[in-house]
Amino acid sequence: MTTTLLLARHGQTIWHAENRYAGISDVALTDTGRAQAEALGRWVAAHPVDAIWTSPLSRAVATAEPACRALGLTPHREPALRECDFGVLEGRTLAEFAAEDPTAAEAFRADPVAHPFPGAEDPPAAAARGAAALRRTAAAHPGERVLVVAHNTLLRLVLCTLLSIPAREYRRVFPRLRNAAISELRMNSDGSAALLSLNVPCGTDAA
């Protein structure tokens, strides 16, 4: 039996508006991010789901809230859906890091898995925990539709894992998941997956 997972990145935050890495830092949504969350809520009201799972970080919970309100659902907060820890890049831009350490920045651009930021979470470990979380979600809702609100880098790493794409290619194959857009993933009972759509807008053009 298959489960449909509707993956959504949270709405725009005060750091993402400046392209700063948020990671495990708990930063708030902007007005644009809140509008994106409301648009996602309206989309879900028109395309109902059976359950809603979110990262525990407040930006993901706030993004899921309008959808929960529309359907009268209580979100399941899954710690393993949190964003990757970006180490020294938390709260900074890649350009700022490159100005300080151009060699390390270039190594990251060439292979972000082999050369993560100093102090950052191991990307394969993050991918493994995120993929396991999505498999648990699917197993808990066989044959159902589930909205999953999480994060840009984590979801891109997880998609690579589930679709048998080398993790080092996540930035090239999936340049960006748009804020509060829907990517539809079909999860099969044997743990395999198929990507049915990517970055489908819900009424706002995500930044």
N, C-alpha and C. Protein backbone atom coordinates (compact mmCIF):
# COMPACT_ATOMS: atom_id res chain seq x y z
N MET A 1 0.85 -1.19 0.00
CA MET A 1 0.00 0.00 0.00
C MET A 1 0.89 1.24 0.00
N THR A 2 0.49 2.24 -0.75
CA THR A 2 1.29 3.46 -0.84
C THR A 2 0.72 4.57 0.03
N THR A 3 1.59 5.46 0.44
CA THR A 3 1.21 6.65 1.19
C THR A 3 1.70 7.86 0.42
N THR A 4 0.88 8.89 0.33
CA THR A 4 1.26 10.12 -0.35
C THR A 4 1.75 11.13 0.69
N LEU A 5 3.00 11.53 0.56
CA LEU A 5 3.56 12.56 1.43
C LEU A 5 3.65 13.86 0.64
N LEU A 6 3.03 14.89 1.15
CA LEU A 6 3.07 16.22 0.54
C LEU A 6 4.09 17.04 1.32
N LEU A 7 5.28 17.16 0.76
CA LEU A 7 6.38 17.82 1.44
C LEU A 7 6.34 19.32 1.20
N ALA A 8 6.47 20.08 2.28
CA ALA A 8 6.48 21.54 2.16
C ALA A 8 7.62 22.11 3.00
N ARG A 9 8.39 22.98 2.41
CA ARG A 9 9.35 23.76 3.19
C ARG A 9 8.57 24.85 3.92
N HIS A 10 9.03 25.21 5.10
CA HIS A 10 8.38 26.28 5.87
C HIS A 10 8.37 27.59 5.09
N GLY A 11 7.62 28.55 5.59
CA GLY A 11 7.58 29.88 4.97
C GLY A 11 8.86 30.66 5.18
N GLN A 12 8.96 31.76 4.46
CA GLN A 12 10.15 32.62 4.54
C GLN A 12 10.37 33.12 5.97
N THR A 13 11.64 33.14 6.40
CA THR A 13 11.99 33.66 7.72
C THR A 13 12.79 34.94 7.60
N ILE A 14 13.04 35.56 8.74
CA ILE A 14 13.79 36.81 8.76
C ILE A 14 15.23 36.60 8.31
N TRP A 15 15.76 35.41 8.42
CA TRP A 15 17.11 35.13 7.92
C TRP A 15 17.10 34.71 6.46
N HIS A 16 16.12 33.94 6.05
CA HIS A 16 16.11 33.46 4.68
C HIS A 16 15.87 34.61 3.69
N ALA A 17 15.23 35.67 4.14
CA ALA A 17 15.05 36.83 3.28
C ALA A 17 16.40 37.40 2.86
N GLU A 18 17.44 37.19 3.69
CA GLU A 18 18.79 37.66 3.39
C GLU A 18 19.71 36.51 2.99
N ASN A 19 19.13 35.33 2.76
CA ASN A 19 19.88 34.13 2.36
C ASN A 19 20.88 33.70 3.43
N ARG A 20 20.48 33.87 4.70
CA ARG A 20 21.31 33.42 5.81
C ARG A 20 20.90 32.00 6.21
N TYR A 21 21.88 31.19 6.58
CA TYR A 21 21.60 29.83 7.00
C TYR A 21 20.95 29.84 8.38
N ALA A 22 19.79 29.22 8.50
CA ALA A 22 19.09 29.16 9.78
C ALA A 22 19.41 27.86 10.52
N GLY A 23 19.33 26.73 9.83
CA GLY A 23 19.65 25.47 10.48
C GLY A 23 18.83 25.21 11.72
N ILE A 24 19.51 24.92 12.82
CA ILE A 24 18.82 24.60 14.07
C ILE A 24 18.42 25.84 14.84
N SER A 25 18.83 27.03 14.36
CA SER A 25 18.44 28.27 15.01
C SER A 25 16.93 28.47 14.84
N ASP A 26 16.27 28.91 15.89
CA ASP A 26 14.81 29.05 15.84
C ASP A 26 14.47 30.49 15.49
N VAL A 27 14.28 30.75 14.21
CA VAL A 27 14.02 32.11 13.74
C VAL A 27 12.58 32.21 13.25
N ALA A 28 12.03 33.40 13.35
CA ALA A 28 10.60 33.61 13.08
C ALA A 28 10.32 33.82 11.60
N LEU A 29 9.06 33.59 11.23
CA LEU A 29 8.60 33.89 9.88
C LEU A 29 8.49 35.40 9.68
N THR A 30 8.70 35.82 8.44
CA THR A 30 8.41 37.20 8.06
C THR A 30 6.92 37.34 7.76
N ASP A 31 6.48 38.55 7.46
CA ASP A 31 5.10 38.73 7.02
C ASP A 31 4.85 37.92 5.75
N THR A 32 5.84 37.90 4.87
CA THR A 32 5.71 37.08 3.65
C THR A 32 5.59 35.61 4.01
N GLY A 33 6.38 35.16 4.97
CA GLY A 33 6.31 33.76 5.40
C GLY A 33 4.96 33.41 5.99
N ARG A 34 4.38 34.31 6.74
CA ARG A 34 3.05 34.05 7.31
C ARG A 34 1.99 34.01 6.21
N ALA A 35 2.15 34.87 5.20
CA ALA A 35 1.21 34.83 4.07
C ALA A 35 1.35 33.52 3.30
N GLN A 36 2.57 33.04 3.16
CA GLN A 36 2.80 31.75 2.50
C GLN A 36 2.15 30.61 3.29
N ALA A 37 2.25 30.68 4.62
CA ALA A 37 1.62 29.66 5.46
C ALA A 37 0.10 29.67 5.30
N GLU A 38 -0.48 30.86 5.24
CA GLU A 38 -1.93 30.95 5.04
C GLU A 38 -2.33 30.39 3.68
N ALA A 39 -1.52 30.67 2.66
CA ALA A 39 -1.81 30.12 1.32
C ALA A 39 -1.73 28.60 1.33
N LEU A 40 -0.74 28.06 2.04
CA LEU A 40 -0.64 26.60 2.17
C LEU A 40 -1.87 26.05 2.88
N GLY A 41 -2.33 26.75 3.91
CA GLY A 41 -3.53 26.32 4.62
C GLY A 41 -4.75 26.28 3.72
N ARG A 42 -4.89 27.28 2.86
CA ARG A 42 -6.03 27.29 1.93
C ARG A 42 -5.91 26.15 0.92
N TRP A 43 -4.69 25.87 0.47
CA TRP A 43 -4.48 24.78 -0.47
C TRP A 43 -4.85 23.45 0.16
N VAL A 44 -4.42 23.25 1.40
CA VAL A 44 -4.71 22.00 2.09
C VAL A 44 -6.22 21.87 2.34
N ALA A 45 -6.88 22.97 2.64
CA ALA A 45 -8.33 22.92 2.83
C ALA A 45 -9.03 22.43 1.57
N ALA A 46 -8.49 22.78 0.41
CA ALA A 46 -9.07 22.36 -0.86
C ALA A 46 -8.58 20.99 -1.30
N HIS A 47 -7.49 20.52 -0.72
CA HIS A 47 -6.90 19.21 -1.05
C HIS A 47 -6.61 18.50 0.27
N PRO A 48 -7.63 18.05 0.99
CA PRO A 48 -7.45 17.60 2.38
C PRO A 48 -6.45 16.45 2.54
N VAL A 49 -5.82 16.46 3.71
CA VAL A 49 -4.89 15.41 4.11
C VAL A 49 -5.44 14.73 5.36
N ASP A 50 -4.89 13.56 5.65
CA ASP A 50 -5.34 12.79 6.81
C ASP A 50 -4.55 13.11 8.07
N ALA A 51 -3.35 13.65 7.88
CA ALA A 51 -2.48 13.94 9.04
C ALA A 51 -1.47 14.99 8.63
N ILE A 52 -0.90 15.65 9.64
CA ILE A 52 0.12 16.67 9.42
C ILE A 52 1.29 16.41 10.36
N TRP A 53 2.47 16.28 9.79
CA TRP A 53 3.70 16.10 10.57
C TRP A 53 4.59 17.30 10.32
N THR A 54 5.29 17.75 11.37
CA THR A 54 6.17 18.90 11.21
C THR A 54 7.48 18.70 11.96
N SER A 55 8.47 19.46 11.51
CA SER A 55 9.68 19.67 12.30
C SER A 55 9.27 20.36 13.60
N PRO A 56 10.02 20.18 14.68
CA PRO A 56 9.68 20.88 15.93
C PRO A 56 10.07 22.35 15.94
N LEU A 57 10.84 22.81 14.97
CA LEU A 57 11.27 24.21 14.96
C LEU A 57 10.07 25.12 14.67
N SER A 58 10.05 26.27 15.33
CA SER A 58 8.84 27.10 15.32
C SER A 58 8.45 27.57 13.93
N ARG A 59 9.40 27.77 13.04
CA ARG A 59 9.04 28.23 11.69
C ARG A 59 8.25 27.17 10.93
N ALA A 60 8.54 25.91 11.19
CA ALA A 60 7.78 24.83 10.55
C ALA A 60 6.41 24.67 11.20
N VAL A 61 6.38 24.74 12.52
CA VAL A 61 5.10 24.62 13.24
C VAL A 61 4.16 25.75 12.84
N ALA A 62 4.70 26.98 12.74
CA ALA A 62 3.87 28.13 12.36
C ALA A 62 3.37 28.00 10.93
N THR A 63 4.18 27.42 10.06
CA THR A 63 3.76 27.24 8.67
C THR A 63 2.64 26.22 8.57
N ALA A 64 2.69 25.19 9.41
CA ALA A 64 1.66 24.15 9.39
C ALA A 64 0.37 24.59 10.07
N GLU A 65 0.42 25.60 10.91
CA GLU A 65 -0.73 25.95 11.74
C GLU A 65 -2.00 26.27 10.95
N PRO A 66 -1.95 27.07 9.87
CA PRO A 66 -3.19 27.33 9.13
C PRO A 66 -3.80 26.06 8.54
N ALA A 67 -2.97 25.12 8.08
CA ALA A 67 -3.49 23.86 7.55
C ALA A 67 -4.13 23.04 8.66
N CYS A 68 -3.49 23.01 9.83
CA CYS A 68 -4.07 22.30 10.97
C CYS A 68 -5.41 22.90 11.36
N ARG A 69 -5.47 24.23 11.36
CA ARG A 69 -6.70 24.93 11.72
C ARG A 69 -7.80 24.64 10.71
N ALA A 70 -7.44 24.61 9.43
CA ALA A 70 -8.44 24.40 8.38
C ALA A 70 -9.07 23.02 8.47
N LEU A 71 -8.27 22.03 8.87
CA LEU A 71 -8.78 20.66 8.89
C LEU A 71 -9.06 20.13 10.29
N GLY A 72 -8.80 20.94 11.31
CA GLY A 72 -9.04 20.50 12.67
C GLY A 72 -8.10 19.39 13.11
N LEU A 73 -6.86 19.43 12.61
CA LEU A 73 -5.88 18.40 12.93
C LEU A 73 -4.84 18.92 13.91
N THR A 74 -4.31 18.03 14.72
CA THR A 74 -3.20 18.35 15.62
C THR A 74 -1.92 17.83 14.98
N PRO A 75 -0.91 18.69 14.82
CA PRO A 75 0.30 18.23 14.14
C PRO A 75 1.12 17.27 14.99
N HIS A 76 1.75 16.33 14.33
CA HIS A 76 2.70 15.44 14.99
C HIS A 76 4.08 16.07 14.81
N ARG A 77 4.71 16.46 15.91
CA ARG A 77 6.03 17.08 15.84
C ARG A 77 7.10 15.99 15.91
N GLU A 78 7.87 15.88 14.85
CA GLU A 78 8.87 14.83 14.72
C GLU A 78 10.28 15.45 14.82
N PRO A 79 11.00 15.19 15.91
CA PRO A 79 12.33 15.78 16.08
C PRO A 79 13.29 15.49 14.93
N ALA A 80 13.15 14.33 14.30
CA ALA A 80 14.07 13.96 13.22
C ALA A 80 13.85 14.76 11.95
N LEU A 81 12.78 15.57 11.90
CA LEU A 81 12.53 16.42 10.74
C LEU A 81 13.13 17.81 10.88
N ARG A 82 13.89 18.04 11.97
CA ARG A 82 14.52 19.35 12.14
C ARG A 82 15.56 19.59 11.03
N GLU A 83 15.89 20.85 10.82
CA GLU A 83 16.88 21.19 9.80
C GLU A 83 18.27 20.75 10.24
N CYS A 84 19.16 20.66 9.28
CA CYS A 84 20.56 20.36 9.57
C CYS A 84 21.18 21.48 10.40
N ASP A 85 22.13 21.13 11.24
CA ASP A 85 22.93 22.12 11.95
C ASP A 85 24.04 22.56 11.00
N PHE A 86 24.12 23.86 10.72
CA PHE A 86 25.10 24.37 9.77
C PHE A 86 26.38 24.87 10.43
N GLY A 87 26.57 24.58 11.70
CA GLY A 87 27.83 24.92 12.36
C GLY A 87 28.12 26.41 12.31
N VAL A 88 29.33 26.75 11.82
CA VAL A 88 29.74 28.16 11.83
C VAL A 88 28.93 29.02 10.87
N LEU A 89 28.14 28.41 10.00
CA LEU A 89 27.32 29.19 9.06
C LEU A 89 25.96 29.58 9.63
N GLU A 90 25.62 29.13 10.83
CA GLU A 90 24.34 29.54 11.42
C GLU A 90 24.29 31.08 11.50
N GLY A 91 23.27 31.64 10.87
CA GLY A 91 23.07 33.08 10.90
C GLY A 91 23.93 33.86 9.94
N ARG A 92 24.69 33.16 9.08
CA ARG A 92 25.59 33.84 8.15
C ARG A 92 25.26 33.42 6.72
N THR A 93 25.78 34.17 5.77
CA THR A 93 25.61 33.84 4.36
C THR A 93 26.85 33.11 3.86
N LEU A 94 26.68 32.39 2.76
CA LEU A 94 27.82 31.70 2.16
C LEU A 94 28.84 32.72 1.66
N ALA A 95 28.38 33.87 1.19
CA ALA A 95 29.29 34.91 0.72
C ALA A 95 30.16 35.43 1.87
N GLU A 96 29.58 35.61 3.04
CA GLU A 96 30.35 36.05 4.20
C GLU A 96 31.41 35.01 4.56
N PHE A 97 31.04 33.74 4.53
CA PHE A 97 31.98 32.67 4.84
C PHE A 97 33.09 32.61 3.80
N ALA A 98 32.74 32.78 2.53
CA ALA A 98 33.73 32.73 1.46
C ALA A 98 34.75 33.86 1.59
N ALA A 99 34.30 35.02 2.06
CA ALA A 99 35.23 36.13 2.25
C ALA A 99 36.24 35.82 3.36
N GLU A 100 35.79 35.03 4.33
CA GLU A 100 36.64 34.68 5.47
C GLU A 100 37.53 33.48 5.17
N ASP A 101 36.97 32.48 4.47
CA ASP A 101 37.71 31.24 4.19
C ASP A 101 37.34 30.74 2.79
N PRO A 102 37.92 31.35 1.77
CA PRO A 102 37.54 31.01 0.39
C PRO A 102 37.82 29.55 0.03
N THR A 103 38.87 28.97 0.59
CA THR A 103 39.19 27.57 0.27
C THR A 103 38.10 26.63 0.77
N ALA A 104 37.67 26.84 2.02
CA ALA A 104 36.62 25.99 2.58
C ALA A 104 35.30 26.20 1.86
N ALA A 105 35.01 27.44 1.49
CA ALA A 105 33.77 27.72 0.77
C ALA A 105 33.76 27.05 -0.59
N GLU A 106 34.88 27.07 -1.28
CA GLU A 106 34.96 26.44 -2.60
C GLU A 106 34.86 24.92 -2.49
N ALA A 107 35.46 24.36 -1.43
CA ALA A 107 35.35 22.92 -1.21
C ALA A 107 33.90 22.52 -0.97
N PHE A 108 33.17 23.33 -0.20
CA PHE A 108 31.75 23.08 0.03
C PHE A 108 30.97 23.12 -1.27
N ARG A 109 31.22 24.12 -2.08
CA ARG A 109 30.49 24.25 -3.36
C ARG A 109 30.77 23.03 -4.26
N ALA A 110 31.99 22.53 -4.23
CA ALA A 110 32.36 21.40 -5.08
C ALA A 110 31.73 20.10 -4.60
N ASP A 111 31.68 19.90 -3.28
CA ASP A 111 31.09 18.68 -2.72
C ASP A 111 30.64 18.97 -1.30
N PRO A 112 29.36 19.38 -1.13
CA PRO A 112 28.88 19.79 0.19
C PRO A 112 28.76 18.64 1.18
N VAL A 113 28.81 17.41 0.70
CA VAL A 113 28.73 16.26 1.61
C VAL A 113 30.12 15.90 2.13
N ALA A 114 31.11 15.89 1.25
CA ALA A 114 32.48 15.59 1.68
C ALA A 114 33.10 16.74 2.45
N HIS A 115 32.63 17.96 2.18
CA HIS A 115 33.22 19.14 2.82
C HIS A 115 32.14 20.05 3.42
N PRO A 116 31.43 19.58 4.45
CA PRO A 116 30.42 20.43 5.09
C PRO A 116 31.10 21.59 5.83
N PHE A 117 30.29 22.54 6.27
CA PHE A 117 30.83 23.67 7.01
C PHE A 117 31.45 23.21 8.33
N PRO A 118 32.46 23.90 8.81
CA PRO A 118 33.05 23.55 10.11
C PRO A 118 32.00 23.54 11.22
N GLY A 119 31.98 22.45 11.97
CA GLY A 119 31.03 22.33 13.08
C GLY A 119 29.64 21.91 12.68
N ALA A 120 29.42 21.65 11.38
CA ALA A 120 28.08 21.30 10.90
C ALA A 120 27.78 19.82 11.13
N GLU A 121 26.49 19.50 11.11
CA GLU A 121 26.05 18.12 11.19
C GLU A 121 26.52 17.35 9.96
N ASP A 122 26.89 16.09 10.15
CA ASP A 122 27.30 15.24 9.05
C ASP A 122 26.12 15.06 8.08
N PRO A 123 26.26 15.48 6.81
CA PRO A 123 25.12 15.40 5.88
C PRO A 123 24.55 14.00 5.71
N PRO A 124 25.36 12.94 5.56
CA PRO A 124 24.75 11.60 5.45
C PRO A 124 23.95 11.21 6.69
N ALA A 125 24.39 11.64 7.86
CA ALA A 125 23.63 11.35 9.08
C ALA A 125 22.30 12.09 9.07
N ALA A 126 22.32 13.34 8.63
CA ALA A 126 21.07 14.11 8.54
C ALA A 126 20.12 13.48 7.54
N ALA A 127 20.66 13.06 6.39
CA ALA A 127 19.83 12.41 5.38
C ALA A 127 19.21 11.13 5.91
N ALA A 128 19.99 10.36 6.66
CA ALA A 128 19.49 9.09 7.19
C ALA A 128 18.38 9.31 8.20
N ARG A 129 18.55 10.29 9.09
CA ARG A 129 17.49 10.52 10.09
C ARG A 129 16.23 11.04 9.44
N GLY A 130 16.38 11.92 8.43
CA GLY A 130 15.21 12.45 7.75
C GLY A 130 14.49 11.41 6.94
N ALA A 131 15.24 10.56 6.24
CA ALA A 131 14.61 9.49 5.46
C ALA A 131 13.89 8.51 6.37
N ALA A 132 14.51 8.19 7.50
CA ALA A 132 13.85 7.28 8.46
C ALA A 132 12.57 7.90 8.99
N ALA A 133 12.57 9.23 9.19
CA ALA A 133 11.37 9.90 9.68
C ALA A 133 10.25 9.82 8.65
N LEU A 134 10.57 10.02 7.37
CA LEU A 134 9.53 9.93 6.34
C LEU A 134 9.02 8.50 6.20
N ARG A 135 9.90 7.53 6.35
CA ARG A 135 9.44 6.14 6.28
C ARG A 135 8.53 5.81 7.47
N ARG A 136 8.85 6.34 8.65
CA ARG A 136 7.97 6.15 9.81
C ARG A 136 6.63 6.81 9.59
N THR A 137 6.66 7.99 9.01
CA THR A 137 5.42 8.71 8.72
C THR A 137 4.54 7.89 7.77
N ALA A 138 5.14 7.39 6.72
CA ALA A 138 4.38 6.59 5.75
C ALA A 138 3.83 5.33 6.39
N ALA A 139 4.64 4.67 7.22
CA ALA A 139 4.19 3.43 7.87
C ALA A 139 3.03 3.68 8.82
N ALA A 140 3.00 4.89 9.41
CA ALA A 140 1.92 5.22 10.35
C ALA A 140 0.62 5.59 9.64
N HIS A 141 0.70 5.85 8.33
CA HIS A 141 -0.49 6.30 7.59
C HIS A 141 -0.61 5.55 6.25
N PRO A 142 -0.72 4.24 6.27
CA PRO A 142 -0.80 3.49 5.01
C PRO A 142 -2.03 3.89 4.20
N GLY A 143 -1.81 4.18 2.93
CA GLY A 143 -2.91 4.53 2.05
C GLY A 143 -3.46 5.93 2.24
N GLU A 144 -2.83 6.74 3.07
CA GLU A 144 -3.35 8.08 3.37
C GLU A 144 -2.49 9.17 2.73
N ARG A 145 -2.96 10.40 2.91
CA ARG A 145 -2.24 11.60 2.46
C ARG A 145 -1.77 12.36 3.69
N VAL A 146 -0.49 12.72 3.70
CA VAL A 146 0.09 13.37 4.87
C VAL A 146 0.86 14.61 4.42
N LEU A 147 0.59 15.75 5.05
CA LEU A 147 1.39 16.95 4.86
C LEU A 147 2.58 16.90 5.80
N VAL A 148 3.78 17.11 5.26
CA VAL A 148 5.01 17.12 6.06
C VAL A 148 5.68 18.47 5.87
N VAL A 149 5.79 19.26 6.94
CA VAL A 149 6.40 20.58 6.86
C VAL A 149 7.78 20.52 7.51
N ALA A 150 8.80 20.76 6.70
CA ALA A 150 10.16 20.65 7.22
C ALA A 150 11.04 21.72 6.57
N HIS A 151 12.22 21.34 6.10
CA HIS A 151 13.26 22.33 5.78
C HIS A 151 13.98 22.05 4.47
N ASN A 152 14.54 23.10 3.91
CA ASN A 152 15.14 23.07 2.58
C ASN A 152 16.27 22.05 2.42
N THR A 153 17.31 22.18 3.22
CA THR A 153 18.46 21.29 3.05
C THR A 153 18.12 19.87 3.46
N LEU A 154 17.45 19.71 4.60
CA LEU A 154 17.10 18.36 5.04
C LEU A 154 16.27 17.64 3.98
N LEU A 155 15.24 18.28 3.46
CA LEU A 155 14.37 17.62 2.49
C LEU A 155 15.12 17.30 1.20
N ARG A 156 16.02 18.16 0.78
CA ARG A 156 16.78 17.87 -0.45
C ARG A 156 17.70 16.66 -0.24
N LEU A 157 18.35 16.58 0.91
CA LEU A 157 19.18 15.41 1.22
C LEU A 157 18.34 14.15 1.28
N VAL A 158 17.17 14.25 1.89
CA VAL A 158 16.29 13.09 2.03
C VAL A 158 15.78 12.64 0.66
N LEU A 159 15.41 13.58 -0.19
CA LEU A 159 14.96 13.20 -1.53
C LEU A 159 16.06 12.45 -2.28
N CYS A 160 17.29 12.90 -2.17
CA CYS A 160 18.39 12.18 -2.80
C CYS A 160 18.49 10.76 -2.25
N THR A 161 18.38 10.62 -0.94
CA THR A 161 18.47 9.29 -0.33
C THR A 161 17.36 8.38 -0.83
N LEU A 162 16.13 8.87 -0.82
CA LEU A 162 14.99 8.03 -1.19
C LEU A 162 14.94 7.73 -2.68
N LEU A 163 15.52 8.61 -3.50
CA LEU A 163 15.47 8.44 -4.95
C LEU A 163 16.77 7.90 -5.53
N SER A 164 17.67 7.47 -4.64
CA SER A 164 18.95 6.87 -5.05
C SER A 164 19.80 7.82 -5.89
N ILE A 165 19.80 9.09 -5.51
CA ILE A 165 20.65 10.11 -6.12
C ILE A 165 21.83 10.35 -5.18
N PRO A 166 23.06 10.42 -5.67
CA PRO A 166 24.20 10.69 -4.78
C PRO A 166 23.96 11.96 -3.97
N ALA A 167 24.14 11.87 -2.66
CA ALA A 167 23.83 13.00 -1.78
C ALA A 167 24.64 14.24 -2.13
N ARG A 168 25.86 14.05 -2.63
CA ARG A 168 26.70 15.20 -2.95
C ARG A 168 26.09 16.08 -4.04
N GLU A 169 25.07 15.54 -4.77
CA GLU A 169 24.44 16.28 -5.86
C GLU A 169 23.21 17.06 -5.43
N TYR A 170 22.93 17.10 -4.11
CA TYR A 170 21.64 17.67 -3.70
C TYR A 170 21.49 19.13 -4.10
N ARG A 171 22.56 19.89 -4.07
CA ARG A 171 22.44 21.32 -4.41
C ARG A 171 22.26 21.52 -5.92
N ARG A 172 22.76 20.60 -6.73
CA ARG A 172 22.63 20.70 -8.18
C ARG A 172 21.29 20.16 -8.65
N VAL A 173 20.90 18.97 -8.17
CA VAL A 173 19.67 18.35 -8.62
C VAL A 173 18.43 19.07 -8.08
N PHE A 174 18.52 19.50 -6.83
CA PHE A 174 17.41 20.23 -6.20
C PHE A 174 17.94 21.59 -5.73
N PRO A 175 18.08 22.57 -6.66
CA PRO A 175 18.67 23.85 -6.27
C PRO A 175 17.97 24.54 -5.11
N ARG A 176 16.65 24.38 -5.05
CA ARG A 176 15.91 25.04 -3.97
C ARG A 176 14.51 24.45 -3.88
N LEU A 177 14.06 24.21 -2.67
CA LEU A 177 12.64 23.96 -2.44
C LEU A 177 12.01 25.30 -2.08
N ARG A 178 10.99 25.68 -2.81
CA ARG A 178 10.38 26.98 -2.57
C ARG A 178 9.58 26.96 -1.26
N ASN A 179 9.55 28.10 -0.62
CA ASN A 179 8.83 28.21 0.64
C ASN A 179 7.35 27.90 0.46
N ALA A 180 6.84 26.97 1.28
CA ALA A 180 5.42 26.63 1.34
C ALA A 180 4.85 26.13 0.01
N ALA A 181 5.72 25.63 -0.87
CA ALA A 181 5.26 24.95 -2.08
C ALA A 181 5.19 23.45 -1.79
N ILE A 182 4.46 22.72 -2.62
CA ILE A 182 4.23 21.30 -2.40
C ILE A 182 5.06 20.45 -3.36
N SER A 183 5.73 19.44 -2.79
CA SER A 183 6.38 18.40 -3.58
C SER A 183 5.75 17.07 -3.16
N GLU A 184 5.21 16.36 -4.14
CA GLU A 184 4.45 15.14 -3.84
C GLU A 184 5.34 13.91 -3.97
N LEU A 185 5.41 13.14 -2.90
CA LEU A 185 6.24 11.94 -2.86
C LEU A 185 5.37 10.73 -2.58
N ARG A 186 5.47 9.72 -3.42
CA ARG A 186 4.76 8.47 -3.19
C ARG A 186 5.69 7.50 -2.47
N MET A 187 5.29 7.08 -1.27
CA MET A 187 6.07 6.14 -0.49
C MET A 187 5.41 4.77 -0.55
N ASN A 188 6.16 3.78 -0.97
CA ASN A 188 5.65 2.41 -1.07
C ASN A 188 5.94 1.63 0.20
N SER A 189 5.19 0.58 0.41
CA SER A 189 5.32 -0.20 1.65
C SER A 189 6.68 -0.86 1.79
N ASP A 190 7.40 -1.03 0.67
CA ASP A 190 8.74 -1.62 0.75
C ASP A 190 9.83 -0.59 1.02
N GLY A 191 9.44 0.67 1.26
CA GLY A 191 10.40 1.72 1.58
C GLY A 191 10.88 2.50 0.38
N SER A 192 10.52 2.06 -0.84
CA SER A 192 10.91 2.80 -2.03
C SER A 192 10.02 4.02 -2.21
N ALA A 193 10.46 4.94 -3.06
CA ALA A 193 9.72 6.19 -3.22
C ALA A 193 9.77 6.66 -4.67
N ALA A 194 8.79 7.48 -5.04
CA ALA A 194 8.75 8.10 -6.36
C ALA A 194 8.32 9.56 -6.18
N LEU A 195 9.04 10.46 -6.84
CA LEU A 195 8.70 11.88 -6.78
C LEU A 195 7.73 12.20 -7.91
N LEU A 196 6.53 12.63 -7.55
CA LEU A 196 5.47 12.89 -8.53
C LEU A 196 5.39 14.35 -8.95
N SER A 197 5.80 15.26 -8.07
CA SER A 197 5.82 16.68 -8.44
C SER A 197 6.79 17.40 -7.52
N LEU A 198 7.23 18.58 -7.97
CA LEU A 198 8.22 19.35 -7.21
C LEU A 198 7.88 20.83 -7.28
N ASN A 199 7.87 21.47 -6.11
CA ASN A 199 7.71 22.93 -6.02
C ASN A 199 6.42 23.44 -6.65
N VAL A 200 5.32 22.75 -6.41
CA VAL A 200 4.03 23.22 -6.91
C VAL A 200 3.53 24.35 -6.02
N PRO A 201 3.31 25.54 -6.56
CA PRO A 201 2.92 26.69 -5.72
C PRO A 201 1.51 26.51 -5.15
N CYS A 202 1.33 27.15 -4.00
CA CYS A 202 0.02 27.07 -3.31
C CYS A 202 -0.69 28.41 -3.28
N GLY A 203 -0.33 29.28 -4.21
CA GLY A 203 -1.03 30.55 -4.27
C GLY A 203 -0.14 31.74 -4.04
N THR A 204 1.11 31.48 -3.59
CA THR A 204 2.09 32.56 -3.46
C THR A 204 3.36 32.10 -4.15
N ASP A 205 4.10 33.02 -4.68
CA ASP A 205 5.40 32.66 -5.28
C ASP A 205 6.44 32.78 -4.19
N ALA A 206 6.96 31.63 -3.74
CA ALA A 206 7.88 31.61 -2.60
C ALA A 206 9.22 32.17 -2.99
N ALA A 207 9.83 32.83 -2.01
CA ALA A 207 11.15 33.40 -2.25
C ALA A 207 12.23 32.39 -1.95
